[in-house]
Amino acid sequence: MMNILFFALLLVLTACDGSVPPPEPEIDPRQPNPAFETQIQAVDKARAVEGQLLDAAETQRQQVDQATQ
């Protein structure tokens, strides 16, 4: 009976690991999340196209104004 208690106690004590897991690496909030990199690139492209469209619309407005004067 004593042997069973000894082995049970030994098993319980060896199952408890006192080591601390390594800390998670800190994420720099200034860096973009790589999971969203494709979405960020798509938004940047859309902004560039928007600028081109606004420039073309302004040019067309100027041409219409010149034609009506």
Protein backbone atom coordinates (compact mmCIF):
# COMPACT_ATOMS: atom_id res chain seq x y z
CA MET A 1 0.00 0.00 0.00
CA MET A 2 2.84 2.34 0.84
CA ASN A 3 4.43 1.73 -2.56
CA ILE A 4 1.24 2.75 -4.37
CA LEU A 5 1.00 5.99 -2.42
CA PHE A 6 4.68 6.70 -3.03
CA PHE A 7 4.33 6.18 -6.81
CA ALA A 8 1.12 8.22 -6.91
CA LEU A 9 2.85 11.08 -5.09
CA LEU A 10 5.87 10.77 -7.35
CA LEU A 11 3.62 10.87 -10.42
CA VAL A 12 1.81 13.98 -9.19
CA LEU A 13 5.03 15.80 -8.39
CA THR A 14 6.65 15.00 -11.74
CA ALA A 15 3.53 16.09 -13.62
CA CYS A 16 3.79 19.60 -12.17
CA ASP A 17 6.31 21.48 -14.27
CA GLY A 18 7.55 24.65 -12.61
CA SER A 19 8.95 26.22 -15.77
CA VAL A 20 7.34 29.37 -17.16
CA PRO A 21 6.50 29.42 -20.89
CA PRO A 22 8.36 32.01 -22.94
CA PRO A 23 6.51 35.32 -23.35
CA GLU A 24 4.72 36.10 -26.59
CA PRO A 25 6.68 38.43 -28.87
CA GLU A 26 5.37 41.98 -28.72
CA ILE A 27 3.69 43.31 -31.84
CA ASP A 28 4.80 46.75 -32.96
CA PRO A 29 1.57 48.74 -33.53
CA ARG A 30 3.36 50.98 -36.03
CA GLN A 31 3.97 48.06 -38.41
CA PRO A 32 1.07 46.93 -40.64
CA ASN A 33 -0.32 43.51 -40.02
CA PRO A 34 0.99 41.17 -42.76
CA ALA A 35 -2.39 39.46 -42.90
CA PHE A 36 -3.88 42.67 -44.33
CA GLU A 37 -1.03 43.50 -46.73
CA THR A 38 -3.02 42.61 -49.88
CA GLN A 39 -5.96 44.71 -48.72
CA ILE A 40 -3.67 47.65 -47.98
CA GLN A 41 -2.15 47.37 -51.47
CA ALA A 42 -5.63 47.28 -53.03
CA VAL A 43 -6.66 50.44 -51.15
CA ASP A 44 -3.47 52.19 -52.25
CA LYS A 45 -4.16 51.26 -55.88
CA ALA A 46 -7.75 52.49 -55.56
CA ARG A 47 -6.53 55.83 -54.21
CA ALA A 48 -4.15 56.19 -57.16
CA VAL A 49 -6.95 55.44 -59.64
CA GLU A 50 -9.24 57.88 -57.82
CA GLY A 51 -6.64 60.61 -58.28
CA GLN A 52 -6.40 59.87 -61.99
CA LEU A 53 -10.18 59.96 -62.37
CA LEU A 54 -10.45 63.27 -60.53
CA ASP A 55 -7.74 64.76 -62.76
CA ALA A 56 -9.51 63.51 -65.89
CA ALA A 57 -12.85 64.90 -64.68
CA GLU A 58 -11.26 68.30 -63.98
CA THR A 59 -9.70 68.36 -67.44
CA GLN A 60 -13.04 67.48 -69.02
CA ARG A 61 -14.78 70.24 -67.01
CA GLN A 62 -12.24 72.76 -68.19
CA GLN A 63 -12.74 71.67 -71.81
CA VAL A 64 -16.52 71.99 -71.47
CA ASP A 65 -16.15 75.44 -69.90
CA GLN A 66 -13.87 76.57 -72.71
CA ALA A 67 -16.25 75.23 -75.36
CA THR A 68 -19.24 77.04 -73.88
CA GLN A 69 -17.52 80.44 -73.63
